[in-house]
Amino acid sequence: MQEVKDAIVAYLTGLKKSKVYFNDIEKAVKQKFPDMKPREIKKVCTELIADETLIYFSTGSSTMYGLKGKGITSDTPDLED
C-alpha cells in the first residue's frame, strides 16, 4: 500500500499542474500497478487525504486532487481576504 501512496505522490510532484482529476491519478497508478482496481486506488487517495498529504479541490461540478501546499488552494492564507 505504501508503494501506491509513493507512486501517487511522485506522480503529483512531477506535474506542472497543481490539481488533477481522479482519472489522471488512476492512469498513473495503473502504469505501475496494472492489477489495481479503481476502488482500491480511491481508498489510497482517501488515506492520503486523511494524512493531509493530498487535498480535495472542488470546482462545484467536479472534484480534483492536489498535493497540499502546491499551487493555489482554498487553504492558502492569501485567499482568506
PDB file of N, CA and C in Angstrom:
ATOM      1  N   MET A   1       0.817  -1.191   0.000  1.00  0.00           N
ATOM      2  CA  MET A   1       0.000   0.000   0.000  1.00  0.00           C
ATOM      3  C   MET A   1       0.868   1.267   0.000  1.00  0.00           C
ATOM      4  N   GLN A   2       1.967   1.228   0.733  1.00  0.00           N
ATOM      5  CA  GLN A   2       2.866   2.388   0.785  1.00  0.00           C
ATOM      6  C   GLN A   2       3.470   2.671  -0.586  1.00  0.00           C
ATOM      7  N   GLU A   3       3.714   1.619  -1.368  1.00  0.00           N
ATOM      8  CA  GLU A   3       4.262   1.815  -2.715  1.00  0.00           C
ATOM      9  C   GLU A   3       3.293   2.583  -3.594  1.00  0.00           C
ATOM     10  N   VAL A   4       2.004   2.309  -3.432  1.00  0.00           N
ATOM     11  CA  VAL A   4       0.983   3.007  -4.217  1.00  0.00           C
ATOM     12  C   VAL A   4       0.917   4.467  -3.775  1.00  0.00           C
ATOM     13  N   LYS A   5       0.965   4.705  -2.469  1.00  0.00           N
ATOM     14  CA  LYS A   5       0.969   6.083  -1.960  1.00  0.00           C
ATOM     15  C   LYS A   5       2.168   6.852  -2.524  1.00  0.00           C
ATOM     16  N   ASP A   6       3.326   6.224  -2.495  1.00  0.00           N
ATOM     17  CA  ASP A   6       4.530   6.864  -3.018  1.00  0.00           C
ATOM     18  C   ASP A   6       4.400   7.154  -4.512  1.00  0.00           C
ATOM     19  N   ALA A   7       3.779   6.242  -5.252  1.00  0.00           N
ATOM     20  CA  ALA A   7       3.593   6.440  -6.690  1.00  0.00           C
ATOM     21  C   ALA A   7       2.667   7.623  -6.964  1.00  0.00           C
ATOM     22  N   ILE A   8       1.617   7.766  -6.172  1.00  0.00           N
ATOM     23  CA  ILE A   8       0.682   8.885  -6.345  1.00  0.00           C
ATOM     24  C   ILE A   8       1.368  10.207  -6.040  1.00  0.00           C
ATOM     25  N   VAL A   9       2.092  10.250  -4.931  1.00  0.00           N
ATOM     26  CA  VAL A   9       2.796  11.481  -4.546  1.00  0.00           C
ATOM     27  C   VAL A   9       3.862  11.832  -5.581  1.00  0.00           C
ATOM     28  N   ALA A  10       4.591  10.853  -6.057  1.00  0.00           N
ATOM     29  CA  ALA A  10       5.619  11.097  -7.077  1.00  0.00           C
ATOM     30  C   ALA A  10       4.986  11.616  -8.365  1.00  0.00           C
ATOM     31  N   TYR A  11       3.857  11.051  -8.743  1.00  0.00           N
ATOM     32  CA  TYR A  11       3.160  11.497  -9.947  1.00  0.00           C
ATOM     33  C   TYR A  11       2.734  12.955  -9.811  1.00  0.00           C
ATOM     34  N   LEU A  12       2.117  13.298  -8.696  1.00  0.00           N
ATOM     35  CA  LEU A  12       1.630  14.662  -8.495  1.00  0.00           C
ATOM     36  C   LEU A  12       2.777  15.661  -8.338  1.00  0.00           C
ATOM     37  N   THR A  13       3.866  15.223  -7.753  1.00  0.00           N
ATOM     38  CA  THR A  13       5.025  16.105  -7.574  1.00  0.00           C
ATOM     39  C   THR A  13       5.654  16.442  -8.919  1.00  0.00           C
ATOM     40  N   GLY A  14       5.648  15.508  -9.833  1.00  0.00           N
ATOM     41  CA  GLY A  14       6.280  15.710 -11.128  1.00  0.00           C
ATOM     42  C   GLY A  14       5.457  16.492 -12.136  1.00  0.00           C
ATOM     43  N   LEU A  15       4.248  16.839 -11.793  1.00  0.00           N
ATOM     44  CA  LEU A  15       3.382  17.552 -12.724  1.00  0.00           C
ATOM     45  C   LEU A  15       3.561  19.059 -12.637  1.00  0.00           C
ATOM     46  N   LYS A  16       3.299  19.743 -13.738  1.00  0.00           N
ATOM     47  CA  LYS A  16       3.267  21.205 -13.719  1.00  0.00           C
ATOM     48  C   LYS A  16       1.944  21.690 -13.132  1.00  0.00           C
ATOM     49  N   LYS A  17       0.875  20.923 -13.366  1.00  0.00           N
ATOM     50  CA  LYS A  17      -0.434  21.283 -12.826  1.00  0.00           C
ATOM     51  C   LYS A  17      -0.458  21.002 -11.332  1.00  0.00           C
ATOM     52  N   SER A  18      -1.225  21.803 -10.602  1.00  0.00           N
ATOM     53  CA  SER A  18      -1.306  21.578  -9.159  1.00  0.00           C
ATOM     54  C   SER A  18      -2.486  20.698  -8.779  1.00  0.00           C
ATOM     55  N   LYS A  19      -3.450  20.529  -9.689  1.00  0.00           N
ATOM     56  CA  LYS A  19      -4.628  19.722  -9.395  1.00  0.00           C
ATOM     57  C   LYS A  19      -4.945  18.810 -10.578  1.00  0.00           C
ATOM     58  N   VAL A  20      -5.401  17.604 -10.277  1.00  0.00           N
ATOM     59  CA  VAL A  20      -5.759  16.651 -11.326  1.00  0.00           C
ATOM     60  C   VAL A  20      -7.038  15.918 -10.947  1.00  0.00           C
ATOM     61  N   TYR A  21      -7.656  15.330 -11.935  1.00  0.00           N
ATOM     62  CA  TYR A  21      -8.845  14.510 -11.705  1.00  0.00           C
ATOM     63  C   TYR A  21      -8.421  13.120 -11.244  1.00  0.00           C
ATOM     64  N   PHE A  22      -9.353  12.410 -10.633  1.00  0.00           N
ATOM     65  CA  PHE A  22      -9.071  11.048 -10.178  1.00  0.00           C
ATOM     66  C   PHE A  22      -8.641  10.160 -11.338  1.00  0.00           C
ATOM     67  N   ASN A  23      -9.260  10.337 -12.496  1.00  0.00           N
ATOM     68  CA  ASN A  23      -8.920   9.503 -13.660  1.00  0.00           C
ATOM     69  C   ASN A  23      -7.443   9.616 -14.024  1.00  0.00           C
ATOM     70  N   ASP A  24      -6.873  10.809 -13.858  1.00  0.00           N
ATOM     71  CA  ASP A  24      -5.451  11.003 -14.149  1.00  0.00           C
ATOM     72  C   ASP A  24      -4.592  10.216 -13.158  1.00  0.00           C
ATOM     73  N   ILE A  25      -4.973  10.266 -11.883  1.00  0.00           N
ATOM     74  CA  ILE A  25      -4.247   9.506 -10.859  1.00  0.00           C
ATOM     75  C   ILE A  25      -4.374   8.019 -11.137  1.00  0.00           C
ATOM     76  N   GLU A  26      -5.577   7.601 -11.490  1.00  0.00           N
ATOM     77  CA  GLU A  26      -5.812   6.181 -11.778  1.00  0.00           C
ATOM     78  C   GLU A  26      -4.920   5.688 -12.914  1.00  0.00           C
ATOM     79  N   LYS A  27      -4.818   6.456 -13.991  1.00  0.00           N
ATOM     80  CA  LYS A  27      -3.973   6.062 -15.129  1.00  0.00           C
ATOM     81  C   LYS A  27      -2.507   5.946 -14.716  1.00  0.00           C
ATOM     82  N   ALA A  28      -2.047   6.895 -13.905  1.00  0.00           N
ATOM     83  CA  ALA A  28      -0.651   6.873 -13.470  1.00  0.00           C
ATOM     84  C   ALA A  28      -0.366   5.662 -12.589  1.00  0.00           C
ATOM     85  N   VAL A  29      -1.282   5.338 -11.688  1.00  0.00           N
ATOM     86  CA  VAL A  29      -1.095   4.190 -10.801  1.00  0.00           C
ATOM     87  C   VAL A  29      -1.139   2.894 -11.602  1.00  0.00           C
ATOM     88  N   LYS A  30      -2.058   2.811 -12.556  1.00  0.00           N
ATOM     89  CA  LYS A  30      -2.200   1.573 -13.341  1.00  0.00           C
ATOM     90  C   LYS A  30      -0.991   1.313 -14.228  1.00  0.00           C
ATOM     91  N   GLN A  31      -0.200   2.340 -14.525  1.00  0.00           N
ATOM     92  CA  GLN A  31       1.030   2.107 -15.292  1.00  0.00           C
ATOM     93  C   GLN A  31       2.023   1.295 -14.471  1.00  0.00           C
ATOM     94  N   LYS A  32       2.053   1.536 -13.160  1.00  0.00           N
ATOM     95  CA  LYS A  32       2.982   0.803 -12.289  1.00  0.00           C
ATOM     96  C   LYS A  32       2.343  -0.433 -11.673  1.00  0.00           C
ATOM     97  N   PHE A  33       1.039  -0.365 -11.413  1.00  0.00           N
ATOM     98  CA  PHE A  33       0.309  -1.459 -10.770  1.00  0.00           C
ATOM     99  C   PHE A  33      -0.939  -1.770 -11.608  1.00  0.00           C
ATOM    100  N   PRO A  34      -0.767  -2.482 -12.718  1.00  0.00           N
ATOM    101  CA  PRO A  34      -1.876  -2.690 -13.652  1.00  0.00           C
ATOM    102  C   PRO A  34      -3.059  -3.489 -13.084  1.00  0.00           C
ATOM    103  N   ASP A  35      -2.847  -4.250 -12.031  1.00  0.00           N
ATOM    104  CA  ASP A  35      -3.932  -5.063 -11.481  1.00  0.00           C
ATOM    105  C   ASP A  35      -4.798  -4.325 -10.464  1.00  0.00           C
ATOM    106  N   MET A  36      -4.449  -3.108 -10.120  1.00  0.00           N
ATOM    107  CA  MET A  36      -5.222  -2.371  -9.111  1.00  0.00           C
ATOM    108  C   MET A  36      -6.561  -1.929  -9.685  1.00  0.00           C
ATOM    109  N   LYS A  37      -7.574  -2.040  -8.871  1.00  0.00           N
ATOM    110  CA  LYS A  37      -8.912  -1.627  -9.262  1.00  0.00           C
ATOM    111  C   LYS A  37      -9.133  -0.167  -8.836  1.00  0.00           C
ATOM    112  N   PRO A  38     -10.003   0.548  -9.540  1.00  0.00           N
ATOM    113  CA  PRO A  38     -10.259   1.956  -9.193  1.00  0.00           C
ATOM    114  C   PRO A  38     -10.668   2.158  -7.733  1.00  0.00           C
ATOM    115  N   ARG A  39     -11.435   1.240  -7.190  1.00  0.00           N
ATOM    116  CA  ARG A  39     -11.869   1.366  -5.793  1.00  0.00           C
ATOM    117  C   ARG A  39     -10.683   1.322  -4.828  1.00  0.00           C
ATOM    118  N   GLU A  40      -9.701   0.473  -5.133  1.00  0.00           N
ATOM    119  CA  GLU A  40      -8.504   0.384  -4.300  1.00  0.00           C
ATOM    120  C   GLU A  40      -7.694   1.678  -4.372  1.00  0.00           C
ATOM    121  N   ILE A  41      -7.591   2.224  -5.562  1.00  0.00           N
ATOM    122  CA  ILE A  41      -6.852   3.477  -5.756  1.00  0.00           C
ATOM    123  C   ILE A  41      -7.558   4.613  -5.021  1.00  0.00           C
ATOM    124  N   LYS A  42      -8.881   4.626  -5.077  1.00  0.00           N
ATOM    125  CA  LYS A  42      -9.663   5.648  -4.382  1.00  0.00           C
ATOM    126  C   LYS A  42      -9.435   5.570  -2.873  1.00  0.00           C
ATOM    127  N   LYS A  43      -9.343   4.348  -2.330  1.00  0.00           N
ATOM    128  CA  LYS A  43      -9.081   4.170  -0.898  1.00  0.00           C
ATOM    129  C   LYS A  43      -7.722   4.739  -0.520  1.00  0.00           C
ATOM    130  N   VAL A  44      -6.727   4.521  -1.366  1.00  0.00           N
ATOM    131  CA  VAL A  44      -5.390   5.054  -1.106  1.00  0.00           C
ATOM    132  C   VAL A  44      -5.427   6.583  -1.130  1.00  0.00           C
ATOM    133  N   CYS A  45      -6.143   7.156  -2.080  1.00  0.00           N
ATOM    134  CA  CYS A  45      -6.280   8.614  -2.142  1.00  0.00           C
ATOM    135  C   CYS A  45      -6.956   9.141  -0.880  1.00  0.00           C
ATOM    136  N   THR A  46      -7.972   8.443  -0.413  1.00  0.00           N
ATOM    137  CA  THR A  46      -8.668   8.844   0.811  1.00  0.00           C
ATOM    138  C   THR A  46      -7.728   8.800   2.007  1.00  0.00           C
ATOM    139  N   GLU A  47      -6.869   7.785   2.068  1.00  0.00           N
ATOM    140  CA  GLU A  47      -5.881   7.711   3.148  1.00  0.00           C
ATOM    141  C   GLU A  47      -4.892   8.867   3.070  1.00  0.00           C
ATOM    142  N   LEU A  48      -4.474   9.219   1.858  1.00  0.00           N
ATOM    143  CA  LEU A  48      -3.551  10.343   1.698  1.00  0.00           C
ATOM    144  C   LEU A  48      -4.203  11.664   2.099  1.00  0.00           C
ATOM    145  N   ILE A  49      -5.497  11.779   1.879  1.00  0.00           N
ATOM    146  CA  ILE A  49      -6.214  12.974   2.310  1.00  0.00           C
ATOM    147  C   ILE A  49      -6.304  12.994   3.834  1.00  0.00           C
ATOM    148  N   ALA A  50      -6.566  11.852   4.446  1.00  0.00           N
ATOM    149  CA  ALA A  50      -6.624  11.762   5.905  1.00  0.00           C
ATOM    150  C   ALA A  50      -5.255  12.087   6.523  1.00  0.00           C
ATOM    151  N   ASP A  51      -4.167  11.711   5.843  1.00  0.00           N
ATOM    152  CA  ASP A  51      -2.813  12.020   6.304  1.00  0.00           C
ATOM    153  C   ASP A  51      -2.434  13.471   6.035  1.00  0.00           C
ATOM    154  N   GLU A  52      -3.301  14.185   5.327  1.00  0.00           N
ATOM    155  CA  GLU A  52      -3.079  15.577   4.914  1.00  0.00           C
ATOM    156  C   GLU A  52      -1.910  15.719   3.934  1.00  0.00           C
ATOM    157  N   THR A  53      -1.678  14.669   3.158  1.00  0.00           N
ATOM    158  CA  THR A  53      -0.698  14.737   2.079  1.00  0.00           C
ATOM    159  C   THR A  53      -1.366  15.305   0.835  1.00  0.00           C
ATOM    160  N   LEU A  54      -2.602  14.862   0.574  1.00  0.00           N
ATOM    161  CA  LEU A  54      -3.400  15.360  -0.534  1.00  0.00           C
ATOM    162  C   LEU A  54      -4.559  16.193   0.002  1.00  0.00           C
ATOM    163  N   ILE A  55      -5.121  17.000  -0.900  1.00  0.00           N
ATOM    164  CA  ILE A  55      -6.332  17.743  -0.567  1.00  0.00           C
ATOM    165  C   ILE A  55      -7.324  17.613  -1.714  1.00  0.00           C
ATOM    166  N   TYR A  56      -8.600  17.766  -1.377  1.00  0.00           N
ATOM    167  CA  TYR A  56      -9.643  17.855  -2.394  1.00  0.00           C
ATOM    168  C   TYR A  56      -9.709  19.294  -2.866  1.00  0.00           C
ATOM    169  N   PHE A  57     -10.071  19.472  -4.116  1.00  0.00           N
ATOM    170  CA  PHE A  57     -10.348  20.795  -4.643  1.00  0.00           C
ATOM    171  C   PHE A  57     -11.626  20.677  -5.445  1.00  0.00           C
ATOM    172  N   SER A  58     -12.669  21.336  -4.997  1.00  0.00           N
ATOM    173  CA  SER A  58     -13.957  21.244  -5.668  1.00  0.00           C
ATOM    174  C   SER A  58     -14.180  22.465  -6.532  1.00  0.00           C
ATOM    175  N   THR A  59     -14.578  22.226  -7.763  1.00  0.00           N
ATOM    176  CA  THR A  59     -14.912  23.318  -8.667  1.00  0.00           C
ATOM    177  C   THR A  59     -16.413  23.558  -8.689  1.00  0.00           C
ATOM    178  N   GLY A  60     -17.138  22.828  -7.892  1.00  0.00           N
ATOM    179  CA  GLY A  60     -18.584  22.923  -7.873  1.00  0.00           C
ATOM    180  C   GLY A  60     -19.216  21.789  -8.653  1.00  0.00           C
ATOM    181  N   SER A  61     -18.660  21.495  -9.804  1.00  0.00           N
ATOM    182  CA  SER A  61     -19.221  20.418 -10.616  1.00  0.00           C
ATOM    183  C   SER A  61     -18.354  19.167 -10.604  1.00  0.00           C
ATOM    184  N   SER A  62     -17.112  19.318 -10.182  1.00  0.00           N
ATOM    185  CA  SER A  62     -16.220  18.160 -10.141  1.00  0.00           C
ATOM    186  C   SER A  62     -15.219  18.321  -8.998  1.00  0.00           C
ATOM    187  N   THR A  63     -14.631  17.216  -8.621  1.00  0.00           N
ATOM    188  CA  THR A  63     -13.648  17.214  -7.543  1.00  0.00           C
ATOM    189  C   THR A  63     -12.295  16.841  -8.111  1.00  0.00           C
ATOM    190  N   MET A  64     -11.300  17.595  -7.710  1.00  0.00           N
ATOM    191  CA  MET A  64      -9.940  17.328  -8.156  1.00  0.00           C
ATOM    192  C   MET A  64      -9.077  17.054  -6.929  1.00  0.00           C
ATOM    193  N   TYR A  65      -7.918  16.482  -7.166  1.00  0.00           N
ATOM    194  CA  TYR A  65      -6.965  16.172  -6.109  1.00  0.00           C
ATOM    195  C   TYR A  65      -5.694  16.971  -6.344  1.00  0.00           C
ATOM    196  N   GLY A  66      -5.035  17.322  -5.255  1.00  0.00           N
ATOM    197  CA  GLY A  66      -3.765  18.029  -5.366  1.00  0.00           C
ATOM    198  C   GLY A  66      -2.917  17.787  -4.140  1.00  0.00           C
ATOM    199  N   LEU A  67      -1.633  18.064  -4.262  1.00  0.00           N
ATOM    200  CA  LEU A  67      -0.737  17.967  -3.118  1.00  0.00           C
ATOM    201  C   LEU A  67      -0.963  19.179  -2.225  1.00  0.00           C
ATOM    202  N   LYS A  68      -1.018  18.963  -0.957  1.00  0.00           N
ATOM    203  CA  LYS A  68      -1.209  20.061  -0.025  1.00  0.00           C
ATOM    204  C   LYS A  68      -0.006  20.993  -0.117  1.00  0.00           C
ATOM    205  N   GLY A  69      -0.277  22.282  -0.272  1.00  0.00           N
ATOM    206  CA  GLY A  69       0.787  23.274  -0.351  1.00  0.00           C
ATOM    207  C   GLY A  69       1.290  23.554  -1.758  1.00  0.00           C
ATOM    208  N   LYS A  70       0.827  22.807  -2.759  1.00  0.00           N
ATOM    209  CA  LYS A  70       1.266  23.030  -4.131  1.00  0.00           C
ATOM    210  C   LYS A  70       0.174  23.787  -4.879  1.00  0.00           C
ATOM    211  N   GLY A  71       0.499  24.943  -5.412  1.00  0.00           N
ATOM    212  CA  GLY A  71      -0.471  25.726  -6.155  1.00  0.00           C
ATOM    213  C   GLY A  71      -1.393  26.515  -5.230  1.00  0.00           C
ATOM    214  N   ILE A  72      -2.342  27.192  -5.828  1.00  0.00           N
ATOM    215  CA  ILE A  72      -3.303  27.976  -5.062  1.00  0.00           C
ATOM    216  C   ILE A  72      -4.492  27.100  -4.736  1.00  0.00           C
ATOM    217  N   THR A  73      -4.781  26.965  -3.447  1.00  0.00           N
ATOM    218  CA  THR A  73      -5.900  26.156  -2.989  1.00  0.00           C
ATOM    219  C   THR A  73      -6.687  26.930  -1.948  1.00  0.00           C
ATOM    220  N   SER A  74      -7.794  26.381  -1.510  1.00  0.00           N
ATOM    221  CA  SER A  74      -8.643  27.057  -0.536  1.00  0.00           C
ATOM    222  C   SER A  74      -7.974  27.194   0.824  1.00  0.00           C
ATOM    223  N   ASP A  75      -6.927  26.415   1.098  1.00  0.00           N
ATOM    224  CA  ASP A  75      -6.239  26.542   2.385  1.00  0.00           C
ATOM    225  C   ASP A  75      -5.028  27.482   2.309  1.00  0.00           C
ATOM    226  N   THR A  76      -4.855  28.176   1.180  1.00  0.00           N
ATOM    227  CA  THR A  76      -3.795  29.147   1.044  1.00  0.00           C
ATOM    228  C   THR A  76      -4.166  30.397   1.815  1.00  0.00           C
ATOM    229  N   PRO A  77      -3.304  30.902   2.700  1.00  0.00           N
ATOM    230  CA  PRO A  77      -3.645  32.042   3.541  1.00  0.00           C
ATOM    231  C   PRO A  77      -4.059  33.296   2.776  1.00  0.00           C
ATOM    232  N   ASP A  78      -3.529  33.532   1.586  1.00  0.00           N
ATOM    233  CA  ASP A  78      -3.849  34.740   0.827  1.00  0.00           C
ATOM    234  C   ASP A  78      -5.289  34.807   0.367  1.00  0.00           C
ATOM    235  N   LEU A  79      -5.988  33.684   0.361  1.00  0.00           N
ATOM    236  CA  LEU A  79      -7.360  33.659  -0.121  1.00  0.00           C
ATOM    237  C   LEU A  79      -8.380  33.956   0.970  1.00  0.00           C
ATOM    238  N   GLU A  80      -7.942  34.237   2.178  1.00  0.00           N
ATOM    239  CA  GLU A  80      -8.875  34.489   3.266  1.00  0.00           C
ATOM    240  C   GLU A  80      -9.473  35.882   3.224  1.00  0.00           C
ATOM    241  N   ASP A  81      -8.966  36.780   2.387  1.00  0.00           N
ATOM    242  CA  ASP A  81      -9.465  38.162   2.319  1.00  0.00           C
ATOM    243  C   ASP A  81     -10.880  38.243   1.815  1.00  0.00           C
TER     244      ASP A  81
END
